[in-house]
Structure formats: structure tokens, C-alpha cells
């Protein structure tokens, strides 16, 4: 992904406040996002602005994303809570405006937050699960479903230790989606998704029955939109 704007531009739409804050922070602090980084400890407001700038920069440019995340690791003092909240806001408010390459970057950043067990990780993963649409067999929706079920399988041990209840949320989502996906055949990418959904659900029931049985009225109501 070459460096570019992460959001689809619209001439007739007012810029979202979160989008505006991310872009302005990036434009203001772009020179500070390149090594060598300052050794000074930022004050709270500087940390907020740097976090916003890093989110925008990482969404823009996959080639520099590892550098940006290393920069974040050196700055963070809150368990990645604010950075994760920015990602949650991006999913909830701006996901539909992200260009395809930026969506790939968003999933990469999410995996990074899983690896560091960030504060707010469960909210981030649930917000992404909610972005998978039922009855939508379009390429982008199938891609998101594939990426998330793969994430839950690949990061199983980490999530089980640090955010076990999000596995229950994922089971609820993938059971619901699997019932929908099984009505359709002949779409190769969807067939692969179904295989992974089955693998995840079977793993949950076999290895984490107690977590699986937590699915109930409360969780069902939580997912109603």
C-alpha cells in the first residue's frame, strides 16, 4: 500500500470529527513520526495527539506501520487504552469510509493490540464482529469474516488468557453467520470461510464448553442493532 489517504473523500459530506482529529494530528506531527524519535516523555496532551497521528499514519502506509507501532510501544503508559479507543471509534464511525487498503491496516493494528493485551481489546473485537453483515456475500464482507475468524483461531491462546469472554461473543457471531452462509454454495471464498467458522465453533464447544454455554439472552440482546 502506497502512502495515501485512508478515507474515501466526499464532496457533499461534512468531515467526521474523529476523522478530522486524526488527520489534523498527523499533518501537525508528521515530522515527529520518523526516526530518530524524541527521547522526551510527552505530556498527556502530546501523547493524545501522537496517538491520533500514529493511527492515521498506520492506516495510510503499510510500509511504515511497524515503525509507527514501535514508536507507540515506546510512548504508551495507559495499557494502550487510548490508542485502542481510537481504533474502536474508527470501526464504529468510519469503517464504511475506509479504503480497502486501510481496512487491511486496521486489522493489522487490531492483531497488534491482541499481542499486547490492550485495555479495551474486547470492545475493539466486538465492534469488528458487528461489522460483518448477515446475508452479504460481497467480497469485502466475506473478507472481513475470513480475517476475523482467522484472527480468533490464530490468537486463541492469547485471547483465552486475556479476554476469554470475547470468545463467547465470537462464537455467537460465527454460529449466526454460519447458519446464513450454509444457505449458499458455489462461492469459493465463502466455502473457505465456512470451513474456518466450523473449525472455530467446534473448537469452542470441545475445549471451552463453559464459555460456550454463556451464550444466552443477555448476549443475544447485546448484539441486537
C-alpha atoms as a PDB file:
ATOM      1  CA  UNK A   1       0.000   0.000   0.000  1.00  0.00           C
ATOM      2  CA  UNK A   2       1.490   3.295  -1.028  1.00  0.00           C
ATOM      3  CA  UNK A   3       1.094   6.226   1.284  1.00  0.00           C
ATOM      4  CA  UNK A   4      -2.247   7.883   0.703  1.00  0.00           C
ATOM      5  CA  UNK A   5      -5.465   8.956   2.338  1.00  0.00           C
ATOM      6  CA  UNK A   6      -7.143   6.192   4.344  1.00  0.00           C
ATOM      7  CA  UNK A   7     -10.671   7.549   3.941  1.00  0.00           C
ATOM      8  CA  UNK A   8     -12.840   7.902   0.871  1.00  0.00           C
ATOM      9  CA  UNK A   9     -13.282  11.598   0.141  1.00  0.00           C
ATOM     10  CA  UNK A  10     -16.772  13.017  -0.318  1.00  0.00           C
ATOM     11  CA  UNK A  11     -17.547  16.464  -1.656  1.00  0.00           C
ATOM     12  CA  UNK A  12     -21.017  16.533  -0.118  1.00  0.00           C
ATOM     13  CA  UNK A  13     -20.329  15.163   3.353  1.00  0.00           C
ATOM     14  CA  UNK A  14     -19.129  17.008   6.438  1.00  0.00           C
ATOM     15  CA  UNK A  15     -15.880  15.524   7.727  1.00  0.00           C
ATOM     16  CA  UNK A  16     -16.408  13.349  10.783  1.00  0.00           C
ATOM     17  CA  UNK A  17     -14.890  14.832  13.957  1.00  0.00           C
ATOM     18  CA  UNK A  18     -12.823  11.735  14.674  1.00  0.00           C
ATOM     19  CA  UNK A  19     -11.557  11.652  11.104  1.00  0.00           C
ATOM     20  CA  UNK A  20     -10.713  15.347  11.347  1.00  0.00           C
ATOM     21  CA  UNK A  21      -8.825  14.925  14.629  1.00  0.00           C
ATOM     22  CA  UNK A  22      -6.773  12.021  13.250  1.00  0.00           C
ATOM     23  CA  UNK A  23      -5.884  13.864  10.061  1.00  0.00           C
ATOM     24  CA  UNK A  24      -5.005  17.124  11.783  1.00  0.00           C
ATOM     25  CA  UNK A  25      -2.801  15.355  14.329  1.00  0.00           C
ATOM     26  CA  UNK A  26      -0.973  13.565  11.519  1.00  0.00           C
ATOM     27  CA  UNK A  27      -0.466  16.737   9.491  1.00  0.00           C
ATOM     28  CA  UNK A  28       0.817  18.578  12.556  1.00  0.00           C
ATOM     29  CA  UNK A  29       3.140  15.851  13.832  1.00  0.00           C
ATOM     30  CA  UNK A  30       4.242  14.021  10.683  1.00  0.00           C
ATOM     31  CA  UNK A  31       7.925  15.053  11.067  1.00  0.00           C
ATOM     32  CA  UNK A  32       7.942  13.549  14.576  1.00  0.00           C
ATOM     33  CA  UNK A  33       6.715  10.184  13.282  1.00  0.00           C
ATOM     34  CA  UNK A  34      10.024   9.401  11.592  1.00  0.00           C
ATOM     35  CA  UNK A  35      13.084   8.061  13.427  1.00  0.00           C
ATOM     36  CA  UNK A  36      15.118   9.041  15.278  1.00  0.00           C
ATOM     37  CA  UNK A  37      12.322   9.628  17.767  1.00  0.00           C
ATOM     38  CA  UNK A  38      12.492  12.137  20.575  1.00  0.00           C
ATOM     39  CA  UNK A  39      13.599  10.713  23.920  1.00  0.00           C
ATOM     40  CA  UNK A  40      11.453  13.225  25.798  1.00  0.00           C
ATOM     41  CA  UNK A  41       8.419  11.863  27.622  1.00  0.00           C
ATOM     42  CA  UNK A  42       5.319  13.525  26.119  1.00  0.00           C
ATOM     43  CA  UNK A  43       2.835  15.238  28.390  1.00  0.00           C
ATOM     44  CA  UNK A  44      -0.742  13.845  28.393  1.00  0.00           C
ATOM     45  CA  UNK A  45      -1.997  16.118  25.607  1.00  0.00           C
ATOM     46  CA  UNK A  46       1.054  15.420  23.450  1.00  0.00           C
ATOM     47  CA  UNK A  47       0.502  11.695  23.962  1.00  0.00           C
ATOM     48  CA  UNK A  48      -3.110  12.031  22.807  1.00  0.00           C
ATOM     49  CA  UNK A  49      -2.073  13.877  19.658  1.00  0.00           C
ATOM     50  CA  UNK A  50       0.770  11.462  18.912  1.00  0.00           C
ATOM     51  CA  UNK A  51      -1.601   8.507  19.305  1.00  0.00           C
ATOM     52  CA  UNK A  52      -4.027  10.065  16.839  1.00  0.00           C
ATOM     53  CA  UNK A  53      -1.208  10.763  14.403  1.00  0.00           C
ATOM     54  CA  UNK A  54       0.087   7.190  14.662  1.00  0.00           C
ATOM     55  CA  UNK A  55      -3.365   5.737  13.955  1.00  0.00           C
ATOM     56  CA  UNK A  56      -3.703   7.882  10.841  1.00  0.00           C
ATOM     57  CA  UNK A  57      -0.148   7.156   9.694  1.00  0.00           C
ATOM     58  CA  UNK A  58      -0.527   3.396  10.142  1.00  0.00           C
ATOM     59  CA  UNK A  59      -3.806   3.399   8.212  1.00  0.00           C
ATOM     60  CA  UNK A  60      -2.133   5.357   5.412  1.00  0.00           C
ATOM     61  CA  UNK A  61       1.060   3.430   4.876  1.00  0.00           C
ATOM     62  CA  UNK A  62       1.671  -0.276   5.441  1.00  0.00           C
ATOM     63  CA  UNK A  63       5.347   0.162   4.621  1.00  0.00           C
ATOM     64  CA  UNK A  64       5.947   2.249   7.747  1.00  0.00           C
ATOM     65  CA  UNK A  65       3.385   0.656  10.050  1.00  0.00           C
ATOM     66  CA  UNK A  66       5.920  -1.419  12.001  1.00  0.00           C
ATOM     67  CA  UNK A  67       7.947   1.720  12.654  1.00  0.00           C
ATOM     68  CA  UNK A  68       4.842   3.522  13.886  1.00  0.00           C
ATOM     69  CA  UNK A  69       3.833   0.711  16.223  1.00  0.00           C
ATOM     70  CA  UNK A  70       7.356   0.586  17.693  1.00  0.00           C
ATOM     71  CA  UNK A  71       7.057   4.325  18.293  1.00  0.00           C
ATOM     72  CA  UNK A  72       3.763   3.717  20.101  1.00  0.00           C
ATOM     73  CA  UNK A  73       5.313   0.988  22.263  1.00  0.00           C
ATOM     74  CA  UNK A  74       7.919   3.484  23.449  1.00  0.00           C
ATOM     75  CA  UNK A  75       5.287   6.091  24.333  1.00  0.00           C
ATOM     76  CA  UNK A  76       2.418   4.185  25.881  1.00  0.00           C
ATOM     77  CA  UNK A  77       1.714   4.460  29.611  1.00  0.00           C
ATOM     78  CA  UNK A  78      -2.001   3.571  29.753  1.00  0.00           C
ATOM     79  CA  UNK A  79      -2.037  -0.038  28.611  1.00  0.00           C
ATOM     80  CA  UNK A  80      -2.844   1.126  25.054  1.00  0.00           C
ATOM     81  CA  UNK A  81      -6.299   2.197  26.265  1.00  0.00           C
ATOM     82  CA  UNK A  82      -6.472   5.479  24.340  1.00  0.00           C
ATOM     83  CA  UNK A  83      -4.983   4.031  21.163  1.00  0.00           C
ATOM     84  CA  UNK A  84      -7.447   1.142  21.275  1.00  0.00           C
ATOM     85  CA  UNK A  85     -10.325   3.561  21.841  1.00  0.00           C
ATOM     86  CA  UNK A  86      -9.299   5.365  18.648  1.00  0.00           C
ATOM     87  CA  UNK A  87      -9.430   2.076  16.762  1.00  0.00           C
ATOM     88  CA  UNK A  88     -12.872   1.336  18.222  1.00  0.00           C
ATOM     89  CA  UNK A  89     -14.047   4.774  17.121  1.00  0.00           C
ATOM     90  CA  UNK A  90     -12.646   4.172  13.652  1.00  0.00           C
ATOM     91  CA  UNK A  91     -14.551   0.886  13.377  1.00  0.00           C
ATOM     92  CA  UNK A  92     -17.817   2.295  14.725  1.00  0.00           C
ATOM     93  CA  UNK A  93     -17.822   5.679  12.999  1.00  0.00           C
ATOM     94  CA  UNK A  94     -15.565   5.390   9.970  1.00  0.00           C
ATOM     95  CA  UNK A  95     -15.305   1.781   8.801  1.00  0.00           C
ATOM     96  CA  UNK A  96     -17.567   2.392   5.816  1.00  0.00           C
ATOM     97  CA  UNK A  97     -15.340   5.278   4.692  1.00  0.00           C
ATOM     98  CA  UNK A  98     -12.061   3.359   4.859  1.00  0.00           C
ATOM     99  CA  UNK A  99     -10.408   2.471   1.571  1.00  0.00           C
ATOM    100  CA  UNK A 100      -9.723  -1.249   1.170  1.00  0.00           C
ATOM    101  CA  UNK A 101      -6.014  -0.971   1.951  1.00  0.00           C
ATOM    102  CA  UNK A 102      -6.773   0.946   5.158  1.00  0.00           C
ATOM    103  CA  UNK A 103      -9.155  -1.832   6.239  1.00  0.00           C
ATOM    104  CA  UNK A 104      -6.263  -4.261   5.891  1.00  0.00           C
ATOM    105  CA  UNK A 105      -4.178  -1.962   8.069  1.00  0.00           C
ATOM    106  CA  UNK A 106      -6.952  -1.705  10.654  1.00  0.00           C
ATOM    107  CA  UNK A 107      -6.999  -5.488  11.007  1.00  0.00           C
ATOM    108  CA  UNK A 108      -3.210  -5.494  11.319  1.00  0.00           C
ATOM    109  CA  UNK A 109      -3.380  -2.913  14.105  1.00  0.00           C
ATOM    110  CA  UNK A 110      -6.058  -4.993  15.822  1.00  0.00           C
ATOM    111  CA  UNK A 111      -3.755  -8.019  15.827  1.00  0.00           C
ATOM    112  CA  UNK A 112      -1.027  -5.852  17.322  1.00  0.00           C
ATOM    113  CA  UNK A 113      -3.397  -4.865  20.126  1.00  0.00           C
ATOM    114  CA  UNK A 114      -4.191  -8.529  20.743  1.00  0.00           C
ATOM    115  CA  UNK A 115      -0.471  -9.233  21.076  1.00  0.00           C
ATOM    116  CA  UNK A 116      -0.061  -6.560  23.768  1.00  0.00           C
ATOM    117  CA  UNK A 117      -3.383  -7.386  25.503  1.00  0.00           C
ATOM    118  CA  UNK A 118      -4.502  -3.789  25.245  1.00  0.00           C
ATOM    119  CA  UNK A 119      -7.064  -2.240  27.556  1.00  0.00           C
ATOM    120  CA  UNK A 120     -10.344  -2.157  25.616  1.00  0.00           C
ATOM    121  CA  UNK A 121      -9.423  -5.070  23.352  1.00  0.00           C
ATOM    122  CA  UNK A 122     -12.776  -6.797  23.836  1.00  0.00           C
ATOM    123  CA  UNK A 123     -14.669  -3.690  22.694  1.00  0.00           C
ATOM    124  CA  UNK A 124     -12.478  -3.487  19.601  1.00  0.00           C
ATOM    125  CA  UNK A 125     -13.047  -7.097  18.604  1.00  0.00           C
ATOM    126  CA  UNK A 126     -16.792  -6.956  19.256  1.00  0.00           C
ATOM    127  CA  UNK A 127     -17.103  -3.764  17.211  1.00  0.00           C
ATOM    128  CA  UNK A 128     -15.395  -5.531  14.300  1.00  0.00           C
ATOM    129  CA  UNK A 129     -17.642  -8.581  14.651  1.00  0.00           C
ATOM    130  CA  UNK A 130     -20.646  -6.283  14.407  1.00  0.00           C
ATOM    131  CA  UNK A 131     -19.347  -5.046  11.054  1.00  0.00           C
ATOM    132  CA  UNK A 132     -19.904  -8.454   9.442  1.00  0.00           C
ATOM    133  CA  UNK A 133     -23.257  -8.245   7.699  1.00  0.00           C
ATOM    134  CA  UNK A 134     -25.700 -11.148   7.524  1.00  0.00           C
ATOM    135  CA  UNK A 135     -26.843 -12.033   4.032  1.00  0.00           C
ATOM    136  CA  UNK A 136     -23.992 -10.081   2.466  1.00  0.00           C
ATOM    137  CA  UNK A 137     -21.820 -12.269   0.241  1.00  0.00           C
ATOM    138  CA  UNK A 138     -19.880  -9.396  -1.262  1.00  0.00           C
ATOM    139  CA  UNK A 139     -16.111  -9.590  -1.434  1.00  0.00           C
ATOM    140  CA  UNK A 140     -15.430  -7.086   1.360  1.00  0.00           C
ATOM    141  CA  UNK A 141     -17.859  -8.672   3.817  1.00  0.00           C
ATOM    142  CA  UNK A 142     -16.556 -12.181   3.139  1.00  0.00           C
ATOM    143  CA  UNK A 143     -13.005 -10.854   3.524  1.00  0.00           C
ATOM    144  CA  UNK A 144     -13.787  -9.313   6.919  1.00  0.00           C
ATOM    145  CA  UNK A 145     -15.401 -12.521   8.116  1.00  0.00           C
ATOM    146  CA  UNK A 146     -12.384 -14.540   6.962  1.00  0.00           C
ATOM    147  CA  UNK A 147      -9.941 -12.172   8.647  1.00  0.00           C
ATOM    148  CA  UNK A 148     -11.784 -12.209  11.960  1.00  0.00           C
ATOM    149  CA  UNK A 149     -12.373 -15.943  12.210  1.00  0.00           C
ATOM    150  CA  UNK A 150      -8.701 -16.434  11.289  1.00  0.00           C
ATOM    151  CA  UNK A 151      -7.696 -13.963  13.997  1.00  0.00           C
ATOM    152  CA  UNK A 152      -9.714 -15.788  16.643  1.00  0.00           C
ATOM    153  CA  UNK A 153      -8.136 -19.099  15.663  1.00  0.00           C
ATOM    154  CA  UNK A 154      -4.591 -17.758  15.342  1.00  0.00           C
ATOM    155  CA  UNK A 155      -4.739 -15.770  18.602  1.00  0.00           C
ATOM    156  CA  UNK A 156      -6.727 -18.386  20.527  1.00  0.00           C
ATOM    157  CA  UNK A 157      -4.299 -18.870  23.416  1.00  0.00           C
ATOM    158  CA  UNK A 158      -3.740 -15.157  23.930  1.00  0.00           C
ATOM    159  CA  UNK A 159      -7.454 -14.340  23.862  1.00  0.00           C
ATOM    160  CA  UNK A 160      -8.317 -17.249  26.133  1.00  0.00           C
ATOM    161  CA  UNK A 161      -5.911 -15.920  28.740  1.00  0.00           C
ATOM    162  CA  UNK A 162      -6.576 -12.188  28.463  1.00  0.00           C
ATOM    163  CA  UNK A 163     -10.117 -11.753  27.091  1.00  0.00           C
ATOM    164  CA  UNK A 164     -11.990 -15.063  27.340  1.00  0.00           C
ATOM    165  CA  UNK A 165     -15.472 -13.555  27.124  1.00  0.00           C
ATOM    166  CA  UNK A 166     -14.735 -12.192  23.666  1.00  0.00           C
ATOM    167  CA  UNK A 167     -14.502 -15.816  22.521  1.00  0.00           C
ATOM    168  CA  UNK A 168     -18.118 -16.234  23.616  1.00  0.00           C
ATOM    169  CA  UNK A 169     -19.046 -13.165  21.592  1.00  0.00           C
ATOM    170  CA  UNK A 170     -17.205 -14.588  18.596  1.00  0.00           C
ATOM    171  CA  UNK A 171     -18.967 -17.942  18.954  1.00  0.00           C
ATOM    172  CA  UNK A 172     -22.341 -16.213  18.950  1.00  0.00           C
ATOM    173  CA  UNK A 173     -21.393 -14.257  15.823  1.00  0.00           C
ATOM    174  CA  UNK A 174     -19.966 -17.169  13.866  1.00  0.00           C
ATOM    175  CA  UNK A 175     -22.828 -19.528  14.716  1.00  0.00           C
ATOM    176  CA  UNK A 176     -25.244 -16.907  13.432  1.00  0.00           C
ATOM    177  CA  UNK A 177     -23.164 -16.287  10.316  1.00  0.00           C
ATOM    178  CA  UNK A 178     -22.599 -19.987   9.684  1.00  0.00           C
ATOM    179  CA  UNK A 179     -26.340 -20.606   9.583  1.00  0.00           C
ATOM    180  CA  UNK A 180     -26.571 -17.859   6.981  1.00  0.00           C
ATOM    181  CA  UNK A 181     -23.534 -18.976   4.983  1.00  0.00           C
ATOM    182  CA  UNK A 182     -24.699 -22.592   4.802  1.00  0.00           C
ATOM    183  CA  UNK A 183     -27.674 -21.478   2.719  1.00  0.00           C
ATOM    184  CA  UNK A 184     -25.298 -20.555  -0.101  1.00  0.00           C
ATOM    185  CA  UNK A 185     -22.909 -22.707  -2.112  1.00  0.00           C
ATOM    186  CA  UNK A 186     -20.600 -22.263  -5.054  1.00  0.00           C
ATOM    187  CA  UNK A 187     -18.683 -19.217  -3.795  1.00  0.00           C
ATOM    188  CA  UNK A 188     -15.078 -20.439  -3.286  1.00  0.00           C
ATOM    189  CA  UNK A 189     -14.029 -17.753  -0.785  1.00  0.00           C
ATOM    190  CA  UNK A 190     -17.204 -18.261   1.222  1.00  0.00           C
ATOM    191  CA  UNK A 191     -16.593 -22.019   1.322  1.00  0.00           C
ATOM    192  CA  UNK A 192     -13.219 -21.347   2.930  1.00  0.00           C
ATOM    193  CA  UNK A 193     -14.853 -19.029   5.460  1.00  0.00           C
ATOM    194  CA  UNK A 194     -17.438 -21.696   6.327  1.00  0.00           C
ATOM    195  CA  UNK A 195     -14.664 -24.221   6.925  1.00  0.00           C
ATOM    196  CA  UNK A 196     -12.955 -21.868   9.374  1.00  0.00           C
ATOM    197  CA  UNK A 197     -16.235 -20.951  11.082  1.00  0.00           C
ATOM    198  CA  UNK A 198     -16.956 -24.633  11.664  1.00  0.00           C
ATOM    199  CA  UNK A 199     -13.417 -25.167  12.951  1.00  0.00           C
ATOM    200  CA  UNK A 200     -13.745 -22.304  15.432  1.00  0.00           C
ATOM    201  CA  UNK A 201     -17.204 -23.288  16.675  1.00  0.00           C
ATOM    202  CA  UNK A 202     -16.243 -26.946  17.131  1.00  0.00           C
ATOM    203  CA  UNK A 203     -13.092 -25.880  18.982  1.00  0.00           C
ATOM    204  CA  UNK A 204     -15.156 -23.721  21.328  1.00  0.00           C
ATOM    205  CA  UNK A 205     -17.633 -26.489  22.151  1.00  0.00           C
ATOM    206  CA  UNK A 206     -14.915 -29.114  22.575  1.00  0.00           C
ATOM    207  CA  UNK A 207     -12.359 -27.091  24.518  1.00  0.00           C
ATOM    208  CA  UNK A 208     -14.322 -24.284  26.185  1.00  0.00           C
ATOM    209  CA  UNK A 209     -17.803 -25.582  26.874  1.00  0.00           C
ATOM    210  CA  UNK A 210     -18.262 -23.306  29.895  1.00  0.00           C
ATOM    211  CA  UNK A 211     -17.562 -20.224  27.790  1.00  0.00           C
ATOM    212  CA  UNK A 212     -19.796 -21.574  25.033  1.00  0.00           C
ATOM    213  CA  UNK A 213     -22.705 -22.003  27.426  1.00  0.00           C
ATOM    214  CA  UNK A 214     -22.536 -18.331  28.361  1.00  0.00           C
ATOM    215  CA  UNK A 215     -24.419 -17.569  25.151  1.00  0.00           C
ATOM    216  CA  UNK A 216     -27.901 -16.556  26.246  1.00  0.00           C
ATOM    217  CA  UNK A 217     -30.463 -13.810  26.327  1.00  0.00           C
ATOM    218  CA  UNK A 218     -28.039 -11.199  27.615  1.00  0.00           C
ATOM    219  CA  UNK A 219     -25.517 -11.755  24.829  1.00  0.00           C
ATOM    220  CA  UNK A 220     -28.255 -12.059  22.224  1.00  0.00           C
ATOM    221  CA  UNK A 221     -29.719  -8.741  23.311  1.00  0.00           C
ATOM    222  CA  UNK A 222     -26.259  -7.177  23.297  1.00  0.00           C
ATOM    223  CA  UNK A 223     -25.939  -7.908  19.596  1.00  0.00           C
ATOM    224  CA  UNK A 224     -29.296  -6.510  18.532  1.00  0.00           C
ATOM    225  CA  UNK A 225     -28.963  -3.383  16.423  1.00  0.00           C
END
